Amino acid sequence: MSSVALKLYSVFFKFVFKHRLQNLIQSSVDESSSPYGVTTRPEESVSASNPSFTDGVATKDIHIDPFTALSIRIFLPESSLSPPEQPDSKPMPRSSQKDDPDSHNHRRSSYGPPNIGASKNDSRRIISRRWLGEWSSNSIANDYFCRRIAKLCDVIVVAVGYRLAPESKYPAAFEDGFKVLNWLAKQANLAECSKSLGNGARGAGSEFTNAEFQRHFVDAFGASMVEPWLAAHGDQSRCVLLGVSCGANIADYVARKAVEAGKLLDPVKVVAQVLMYPFFIGNVPTQSEIKLANSYFYDKAMCLLAWKLFLTKEEFSLDHPAANPLIPDRGPPLKLMPPTLTVVAEHDWMRDRAIAYSEALRKVNVDAPVLEYKDAVHEFATHGMLLKTPQAEACAEDIAIWVKKYISFGGHEFSY
């Protein structure tokens, strides 16, 4: 992957990224700014939603918080319209990948026992986190990646348009992530209430048809109360959090808050999370932070500027709970965290701390494998120019296999 073209593009990317960060620093708003915030940048290429099944996935956008800019995009795979099928036999393991680690052109190594499971046609939900602050992420690339995951995992994907820094500093983006879980819980309860009342009305000999009753029920609470795609095809009891780069920091925060909330989130259950090259850092540098400080796309110096934009001056510390997952007394206890798949890249300066976090989870018996991709860079599976590489495709497939272990009906499991 470390081609001349990639190196040249990385140099250009760093120049533009640094320029944008410096502009944001110069135009940084004061503390009296509106909490409403923004979720996109003017220079961003935005992909419009499309409710028809384009390339097998339909999308819609919903603004879910009247007090902030928080919004979501729902990705509904066409396969979710069919009832789940129970596979007759256990899926065959990907033996060719075991025998030939280069079969997907990505030479992946694994830390810990990644017990993998799969079943067919399980339409469930994944919460997908976009890149924190989205200083450089491409919404078109984000849309493409979410479509890929929706189809491969056969799940509904809910991508979160959270408030960006520096307009909305910490903890705005993190709180937005947890707000979406609460919104999903309300959606599930409203859908169940609507269904129960509809059944009760029919049992009492009501003149209303079910469709008419649903319409009257929704009208009574407001037209935006019940989201039909989620009500018809979602299962909030099997949510998987997925975060990319700084979005992985958000996903991990939301997972911790979900553990602390416990039954208060019912029926939402976070059954697993996927952290793709998380944006972890700390005061005491790791070996990769020293050796790879000038790595592709996001070098350490520019990322420090990004953290300064995200945290207030009073809170700024590389050992802030949002930045370092291994600081003492960071609750809840690691043993309560959900199963966590971590994806890291060989040429990413943040890789060692992500691996260390995974090791800490495994020490307390949490299923926490690491998939390391050789000759890969930060965002190798999600960056716009890299989305269609064999390595990116293989990574998405590997994630799908692991995720299906936790969302499948039958628990059809196998290992690499």
Protein backbone atom coordinates (compact mmCIF):
# COMPACT_ATOMS: atom_id res chain seq x y z
CA MET A 1 0.00 0.00 0.00
CA SER A 2 2.94 2.35 0.57
CA SER A 3 3.11 3.32 -3.11
CA VAL A 4 4.61 6.52 -4.49
CA ALA A 5 1.11 7.80 -5.29
CA LEU A 6 -0.02 7.23 -1.71
CA LYS A 7 3.04 9.00 -0.33
CA LEU A 8 2.48 12.01 -2.58
CA TYR A 9 -1.21 12.14 -1.72
CA SER A 10 -0.38 11.90 1.98
CA VAL A 11 1.90 14.95 1.72
CA PHE A 12 -0.85 16.91 -0.02
CA PHE A 13 -3.44 15.71 2.48
CA LYS A 14 -1.31 16.80 5.44
CA PHE A 15 -0.84 20.25 3.94
CA VAL A 16 -4.59 20.75 3.45
CA PHE A 17 -5.45 19.21 6.84
CA LYS A 18 -3.01 21.44 8.69
CA HIS A 19 -4.34 24.50 6.88
CA ARG A 20 -7.91 23.62 7.91
CA LEU A 21 -6.91 23.06 11.52
CA GLN A 22 -5.12 26.40 11.66
CA ASN A 23 -8.16 28.13 10.18
CA LEU A 24 -10.38 26.51 12.79
CA ILE A 25 -8.02 27.63 15.55
CA GLN A 26 -8.09 31.22 14.29
CA SER A 27 -11.87 31.25 13.99
CA SER A 28 -12.50 29.27 17.17
CA VAL A 29 -15.69 30.45 18.83
CA ASP A 30 -15.87 31.61 22.44
CA GLU A 31 -17.71 29.88 25.28
CA SER A 32 -20.86 31.95 24.73
CA SER A 33 -21.55 30.42 21.32
CA SER A 34 -24.80 28.59 20.64
CA PRO A 35 -24.88 24.94 21.78
CA TYR A 36 -26.75 24.05 18.57
CA GLY A 37 -23.45 23.42 16.76
CA VAL A 38 -22.67 22.15 13.26
CA THR A 39 -22.34 18.66 11.80
CA THR A 40 -20.75 19.40 8.42
CA ARG A 41 -18.12 21.70 6.92
CA PRO A 42 -18.66 23.95 3.86
CA GLU A 43 -15.76 22.30 2.01
CA GLU A 44 -17.20 18.84 2.59
CA SER A 45 -18.56 16.69 -0.25
CA VAL A 46 -21.94 15.59 1.08
CA SER A 47 -23.79 12.54 -0.21
CA ALA A 48 -27.58 13.01 -0.35
CA SER A 49 -29.86 10.43 1.21
CA ASN A 50 -31.87 8.18 -1.11
CA PRO A 51 -34.94 6.25 0.14
CA SER A 52 -34.87 3.90 -2.86
CA PHE A 53 -32.68 0.79 -2.76
CA THR A 54 -29.68 2.11 -4.65
CA ASP A 55 -26.99 -0.57 -4.76
CA GLY A 56 -29.11 -2.64 -2.37
CA VAL A 57 -29.34 -0.02 0.43
CA ALA A 58 -31.90 2.73 1.11
CA THR A 59 -31.06 5.77 3.25
CA LYS A 60 -32.88 8.53 5.07
CA ASP A 61 -31.80 11.44 7.31
CA ILE A 62 -33.52 12.36 10.58
CA HIS A 63 -32.87 15.35 12.85
CA ILE A 64 -33.50 13.82 16.27
CA ASP A 65 -32.76 16.67 18.70
CA PRO A 66 -34.60 20.00 18.40
CA PHE A 67 -32.06 21.73 20.66
CA THR A 68 -28.88 20.78 18.76
CA ALA A 69 -27.77 19.88 15.24
CA LEU A 70 -27.66 16.15 16.14
CA SER A 71 -28.93 14.00 13.27
CA ILE A 72 -28.70 10.44 12.02
CA ARG A 73 -28.66 8.68 8.67
CA ILE A 74 -30.31 5.26 8.54
CA PHE A 75 -28.97 2.68 6.08
CA LEU A 76 -31.54 -0.05 5.39
CA PRO A 77 -30.30 -3.05 3.36
CA GLU A 78 -32.82 -4.49 0.93
CA SER A 79 -32.20 -7.94 2.40
CA SER A 80 -33.80 -6.78 5.67
CA LEU A 81 -37.21 -6.79 3.97
CA SER A 82 -37.10 -10.60 3.98
CA PRO A 83 -37.65 -12.57 7.22
CA PRO A 84 -34.47 -13.98 8.80
CA GLU A 85 -33.51 -17.43 7.61
CA GLN A 86 -31.98 -19.99 9.90
CA PRO A 87 -29.03 -21.67 8.19
CA ASP A 88 -29.31 -25.43 7.97
CA SER A 89 -25.66 -26.08 8.65
CA LYS A 90 -22.67 -24.45 10.22
CA PRO A 91 -20.83 -22.06 7.86
CA MET A 92 -17.54 -23.30 6.55
CA PRO A 93 -14.49 -21.62 8.07
CA ARG A 94 -12.40 -19.41 5.83
CA SER A 95 -9.70 -22.03 5.65
CA SER A 96 -8.07 -20.47 2.62
CA GLN A 97 -7.39 -17.33 4.65
CA LYS A 98 -5.87 -19.42 7.43
CA ASP A 99 -3.61 -21.29 5.03
CA ASP A 100 -2.71 -18.25 2.98
CA PRO A 101 -2.52 -15.03 5.01
CA ASP A 102 -2.05 -13.07 1.79
CA SER A 103 -5.22 -14.40 0.16
CA HIS A 104 -6.89 -10.98 0.59
CA ASN A 105 -3.70 -9.04 -0.13
CA HIS A 106 -3.62 -7.68 3.40
CA ARG A 107 -1.45 -10.01 5.54
CA ARG A 108 -3.48 -9.68 8.71
CA SER A 109 -2.23 -10.81 12.11
CA SER A 110 -4.45 -11.39 15.12
CA TYR A 111 -3.93 -10.92 18.86
CA GLY A 112 -6.15 -13.08 21.06
CA PRO A 113 -8.64 -15.76 20.01
CA PRO A 114 -11.13 -14.12 17.63
CA ASN A 115 -13.94 -16.70 17.84
CA ILE A 116 -15.92 -15.91 14.73
CA GLY A 117 -19.57 -16.61 14.02
CA ALA A 118 -21.97 -16.03 11.14
CA SER A 119 -25.56 -16.52 10.16
CA LYS A 120 -27.51 -15.43 7.11
CA ASN A 121 -30.09 -12.65 6.80
CA ASP A 122 -29.90 -11.19 10.33
CA SER A 123 -31.21 -7.62 9.92
CA ARG A 124 -29.99 -5.89 13.04
CA ARG A 125 -28.52 -2.57 14.05
CA ILE A 126 -25.03 -1.16 14.13
CA ILE A 127 -24.32 2.33 15.35
CA SER A 128 -21.63 3.81 13.12
CA ARG A 129 -19.54 6.71 14.39
CA ARG A 130 -18.12 9.22 11.97
CA TRP A 131 -14.70 10.75 12.44
CA LEU A 132 -14.61 13.03 15.48
CA GLY A 133 -14.83 16.70 14.49
CA GLU A 134 -14.86 15.52 10.87
CA TRP A 135 -12.06 17.93 10.11
CA SER A 136 -11.09 15.87 7.10
CA SER A 137 -13.50 13.00 6.68
CA ASN A 138 -15.45 12.68 3.45
CA SER A 139 -19.20 12.17 3.84
CA ILE A 140 -19.28 10.36 0.50
CA ALA A 141 -16.66 7.96 1.81
CA ASN A 142 -18.61 7.58 5.06
CA ASP A 143 -21.76 6.83 3.07
CA TYR A 144 -19.93 4.23 0.96
CA PHE A 145 -18.46 2.51 4.03
CA CYS A 146 -21.81 2.40 5.85
CA ARG A 147 -23.46 0.88 2.77
CA ARG A 148 -20.72 -1.75 2.62
CA ILE A 149 -21.17 -2.67 6.29
CA ALA A 150 -24.98 -2.74 6.01
CA LYS A 151 -24.79 -5.24 3.15
CA LEU A 152 -21.97 -7.40 4.49
CA CYS A 153 -23.41 -7.67 8.01
CA ASP A 154 -27.03 -7.63 6.83
CA VAL A 155 -27.85 -4.98 9.41
CA ILE A 156 -29.46 -1.58 9.73
CA VAL A 157 -26.70 1.00 10.13
CA VAL A 158 -27.40 4.22 12.03
CA ALA A 159 -24.66 6.77 11.23
CA VAL A 160 -24.52 9.64 13.71
CA GLY A 161 -24.11 13.24 12.58
CA TYR A 162 -22.77 14.61 15.86
CA ARG A 163 -21.72 18.16 16.68
CA LEU A 164 -18.22 19.10 15.61
CA ALA A 165 -15.38 20.86 17.40
CA PRO A 166 -14.37 23.61 17.94
CA GLU A 167 -17.94 24.93 17.72
CA SER A 168 -18.94 22.20 20.17
CA LYS A 169 -16.09 21.04 22.37
CA TYR A 170 -15.95 17.98 24.61
CA PRO A 171 -18.24 16.35 25.68
CA ALA A 172 -20.72 17.41 22.97
CA ALA A 173 -19.87 14.75 20.36
CA PHE A 174 -19.63 12.04 23.02
CA GLU A 175 -22.96 13.00 24.56
CA ASP A 176 -24.55 13.01 21.12
CA GLY A 177 -23.53 9.39 20.67
CA PHE A 178 -25.26 8.37 23.89
CA LYS A 179 -28.32 10.47 23.01
CA VAL A 180 -28.76 8.28 19.95
CA LEU A 181 -28.85 5.13 22.10
CA ASN A 182 -31.54 6.72 24.27
CA TRP A 183 -33.45 7.72 21.13
CA LEU A 184 -33.27 4.12 19.88
CA ALA A 185 -34.63 2.89 23.21
CA LYS A 186 -37.56 5.30 22.95
CA GLN A 187 -38.18 4.18 19.38
CA ALA A 188 -38.33 0.54 20.44
CA ASN A 189 -40.72 1.29 23.30
CA LEU A 190 -42.99 3.42 21.09
CA ALA A 191 -43.08 0.74 18.41
CA GLU A 192 -43.94 -1.93 20.99
CA CYS A 193 -46.61 0.28 22.52
CA SER A 194 -48.11 0.94 19.11
CA LYS A 195 -48.12 -2.77 18.32
CA SER A 196 -49.69 -3.72 21.65
CA LEU A 197 -52.39 -1.09 21.45
CA GLY A 198 -53.09 -2.07 17.86
CA ASN A 199 -53.55 -5.71 18.86
CA GLY A 200 -55.73 -4.65 21.76
CA ALA A 201 -57.91 -2.53 19.52
CA ARG A 202 -58.47 -5.39 17.11
CA GLY A 203 -59.27 -7.71 20.00
CA ALA A 204 -61.90 -5.30 21.27
CA GLY A 205 -63.63 -5.25 17.92
CA SER A 206 -62.49 -1.80 16.92
CA GLU A 207 -63.61 -0.47 13.57
CA PHE A 208 -60.05 0.70 12.85
CA THR A 209 -57.77 -1.41 10.72
CA ASN A 210 -54.24 -1.86 12.07
CA ALA A 211 -52.88 0.72 9.60
CA GLU A 212 -55.57 3.21 10.63
CA PHE A 213 -54.87 2.67 14.31
CA GLN A 214 -51.15 3.14 13.80
CA ARG A 215 -51.86 6.40 11.98
CA HIS A 216 -54.09 7.69 14.78
CA PHE A 217 -51.55 6.61 17.40
CA VAL A 218 -48.72 8.40 15.62
CA ASP A 219 -50.86 11.50 15.07
CA ALA A 220 -51.56 11.64 18.80
CA PHE A 221 -47.87 11.90 19.63
CA GLY A 222 -46.56 13.74 16.59
CA ALA A 223 -45.70 12.48 13.12
CA SER A 224 -42.00 12.14 13.90
CA MET A 225 -42.41 9.85 16.93
CA VAL A 226 -42.30 6.37 15.39
CA GLU A 227 -39.60 5.71 12.78
CA PRO A 228 -41.15 3.09 10.45
CA TRP A 229 -37.90 1.53 9.18
CA LEU A 230 -36.69 0.85 12.70
CA ALA A 231 -40.11 -0.26 13.93
CA ALA A 232 -40.48 -2.77 11.11
CA HIS A 233 -36.94 -4.10 10.78
CA GLY A 234 -34.84 -3.13 13.82
CA ASP A 235 -33.85 -5.15 16.87
CA GLN A 236 -32.49 -2.84 19.55
CA SER A 237 -31.60 -5.79 21.76
CA ARG A 238 -28.57 -6.50 19.55
CA CYS A 239 -26.74 -3.24 18.94
CA VAL A 240 -23.12 -3.13 17.86
CA LEU A 241 -21.17 0.12 18.16
CA LEU A 242 -18.67 0.86 15.42
CA GLY A 243 -16.25 3.77 15.47
CA VAL A 244 -13.65 4.97 12.97
CA SER A 245 -10.56 6.90 14.15
CA CYS A 246 -11.76 9.47 16.71
CA GLY A 247 -15.19 7.97 16.20
CA ALA A 248 -13.79 4.90 17.94
CA ASN A 249 -13.18 7.08 21.01
CA ILE A 250 -16.85 8.07 20.87
CA ALA A 251 -17.98 4.45 20.45
CA ASP A 252 -15.93 3.36 23.47
CA TYR A 253 -17.39 6.21 25.54
CA VAL A 254 -20.93 5.25 24.51
CA ALA A 255 -20.23 1.61 25.38
CA ARG A 256 -19.07 2.67 28.85
CA LYS A 257 -22.15 4.85 29.36
CA ALA A 258 -24.36 1.97 28.23
CA VAL A 259 -22.75 -0.30 30.84
CA GLU A 260 -23.34 2.33 33.53
CA ALA A 261 -26.96 2.85 32.43
CA GLY A 262 -27.76 -0.85 32.56
CA LYS A 263 -31.51 -1.55 32.44
CA LEU A 264 -32.28 2.15 32.07
CA LEU A 265 -31.52 1.67 28.35
CA ASP A 266 -33.88 -1.28 27.91
CA PRO A 267 -34.60 -2.71 25.41
CA VAL A 268 -31.32 -1.45 23.89
CA LYS A 269 -28.44 -3.84 24.50
CA VAL A 270 -24.89 -3.14 23.34
CA VAL A 271 -23.64 -6.63 22.55
CA ALA A 272 -20.27 -5.68 21.01
CA GLN A 273 -18.19 -2.83 19.63
CA VAL A 274 -15.68 -2.40 16.81
CA LEU A 275 -12.88 0.16 17.21
CA MET A 276 -11.18 0.93 13.91
CA TYR A 277 -7.74 2.48 14.43
CA PRO A 278 -8.89 4.43 17.52
CA PHE A 279 -7.54 7.93 18.11
CA PHE A 280 -6.02 7.07 21.50
CA ILE A 281 -3.08 8.99 22.94
CA GLY A 282 -1.41 9.57 26.32
CA ASN A 283 1.22 11.59 28.13
CA VAL A 284 3.72 8.73 28.21
CA PRO A 285 4.46 7.92 24.54
CA THR A 286 4.41 4.36 23.23
CA GLN A 287 7.02 2.97 20.82
CA SER A 288 4.79 3.52 17.80
CA GLU A 289 4.10 7.11 18.88
CA ILE A 290 7.85 7.73 18.83
CA LYS A 291 8.86 5.76 15.75
CA LEU A 292 5.86 6.61 13.54
CA ALA A 293 5.19 10.19 14.67
CA ASN A 294 5.43 11.40 11.06
CA SER A 295 3.21 8.68 9.61
CA TYR A 296 0.78 8.88 6.69
CA PHE A 297 -2.15 11.32 6.61
CA TYR A 298 -2.46 12.07 10.34
CA ASP A 299 0.93 12.67 11.93
CA LYS A 300 1.27 13.22 15.65
CA ALA A 301 1.90 16.98 15.51
CA MET A 302 -1.33 17.66 13.61
CA CYS A 303 -3.33 15.34 15.82
CA LEU A 304 -2.16 17.28 18.87
CA LEU A 305 -3.63 20.40 17.24
CA ALA A 306 -6.89 18.51 16.75
CA TRP A 307 -7.04 17.54 20.42
CA LYS A 308 -6.46 21.18 21.39
CA LEU A 309 -9.46 22.13 19.26
CA PHE A 310 -11.60 19.43 20.84
CA LEU A 311 -10.79 19.94 24.53
CA THR A 312 -11.09 23.21 26.42
CA LYS A 313 -7.91 24.88 27.66
CA GLU A 314 -8.80 23.95 31.22
CA GLU A 315 -9.34 20.28 30.38
CA PHE A 316 -6.54 19.77 27.89
CA SER A 317 -4.43 16.73 28.75
CA LEU A 318 -3.25 13.77 26.71
CA ASP A 319 -4.40 11.63 29.63
CA HIS A 320 -7.93 12.98 29.41
CA PRO A 321 -10.52 10.14 29.66
CA ALA A 322 -11.57 10.89 26.07
CA ALA A 323 -8.00 10.38 24.87
CA ASN A 324 -6.42 7.65 27.00
CA PRO A 325 -8.50 4.51 27.68
CA LEU A 326 -6.01 3.14 30.23
CA ILE A 327 -5.82 5.93 32.81
CA PRO A 328 -6.52 4.82 36.41
CA ASP A 329 -10.08 5.00 37.75
CA ARG A 330 -11.63 5.28 34.29
CA GLY A 331 -14.99 3.66 34.85
CA PRO A 332 -16.69 1.32 34.57
CA PRO A 333 -14.42 -1.70 35.36
CA LEU A 334 -12.98 -3.13 32.15
CA LYS A 335 -14.45 -6.57 32.93
CA LEU A 336 -17.93 -5.10 32.32
CA MET A 337 -17.13 -3.79 28.85
CA PRO A 338 -18.73 -5.48 25.82
CA PRO A 339 -16.74 -7.70 23.44
CA THR A 340 -14.41 -5.39 21.51
CA LEU A 341 -12.80 -5.95 18.12
CA THR A 342 -9.88 -3.58 17.46
CA VAL A 343 -8.52 -2.88 13.97
CA VAL A 344 -5.03 -1.39 13.69
CA ALA A 345 -2.64 -0.51 10.85
CA GLU A 346 1.09 -1.21 10.73
CA HIS A 347 2.05 2.36 9.75
CA ASP A 348 -0.27 4.13 12.22
CA TRP A 349 1.46 5.90 15.12
CA MET A 350 -1.60 5.29 17.36
CA ARG A 351 -1.54 1.51 16.97
CA ASP A 352 0.34 0.52 20.16
CA ARG A 353 -2.07 2.15 22.58
CA ALA A 354 -5.03 0.53 20.85
CA ILE A 355 -3.31 -2.85 21.15
CA ALA A 356 -2.56 -2.18 24.83
CA TYR A 357 -6.23 -1.40 25.48
CA SER A 358 -7.24 -4.66 23.83
CA GLU A 359 -4.71 -6.56 25.93
CA ALA A 360 -6.12 -4.98 29.09
CA LEU A 361 -9.62 -6.12 28.11
CA ARG A 362 -8.43 -9.68 27.46
CA LYS A 363 -6.76 -9.80 30.88
CA VAL A 364 -10.20 -9.47 32.46
CA ASN A 365 -11.70 -12.09 30.11
CA VAL A 366 -13.40 -9.76 27.63
CA ASP A 367 -13.45 -11.10 24.07
CA ALA A 368 -11.13 -8.49 22.54
CA PRO A 369 -9.19 -9.62 19.47
CA VAL A 370 -6.93 -7.30 17.50
CA LEU A 371 -6.73 -7.42 13.72
CA GLU A 372 -3.51 -5.79 12.55
CA TYR A 373 -3.17 -5.09 8.83
CA LYS A 374 0.36 -5.13 7.51
CA ASP A 375 1.66 -2.35 5.27
CA ALA A 376 -1.51 -0.37 6.08
CA VAL A 377 -2.04 3.26 7.14
CA HIS A 378 -4.51 5.06 9.39
CA GLU A 379 -8.00 4.95 7.80
CA PHE A 380 -6.82 2.39 5.23
CA ALA A 381 -10.34 0.89 5.10
CA THR A 382 -12.41 4.09 5.27
CA HIS A 383 -10.49 6.89 3.56
CA GLY A 384 -11.97 8.01 0.23
CA MET A 385 -9.05 7.07 -2.01
CA LEU A 386 -8.54 3.69 -0.28
CA LEU A 387 -12.12 2.44 0.03
CA LYS A 388 -11.97 0.13 -2.99
CA THR A 389 -8.58 -1.45 -2.31
CA PRO A 390 -8.43 -5.21 -1.62
CA GLN A 391 -7.22 -4.43 1.91
CA ALA A 392 -10.27 -2.25 2.65
CA GLU A 393 -12.64 -4.88 1.29
CA ALA A 394 -10.95 -7.63 3.31
CA CYS A 395 -11.15 -5.54 6.49
CA ALA A 396 -14.89 -4.98 6.06
CA GLU A 397 -15.38 -8.71 5.50
CA ASP A 398 -13.39 -9.56 8.63
CA ILE A 399 -15.45 -7.11 10.69
CA ALA A 400 -18.68 -8.61 9.34
CA ILE A 401 -17.64 -12.14 10.29
CA TRP A 402 -16.83 -11.11 13.87
CA VAL A 403 -19.95 -8.96 14.28
CA LYS A 404 -22.25 -11.79 13.17
CA LYS A 405 -21.11 -13.82 16.15
CA TYR A 406 -22.97 -11.38 18.38
CA ILE A 407 -26.06 -10.63 16.29
CA SER A 408 -26.84 -14.09 14.91
CA PHE A 409 -29.90 -16.03 16.05
CA GLY A 410 -28.34 -19.46 16.10
CA GLY A 411 -24.87 -18.68 17.37
CA HIS A 412 -23.25 -20.55 14.47
CA GLU A 413 -19.66 -20.01 15.41
CA PHE A 414 -16.34 -20.96 13.92
CA SER A 415 -12.77 -19.79 14.25
CA TYR A 416 -10.03 -18.80 11.88
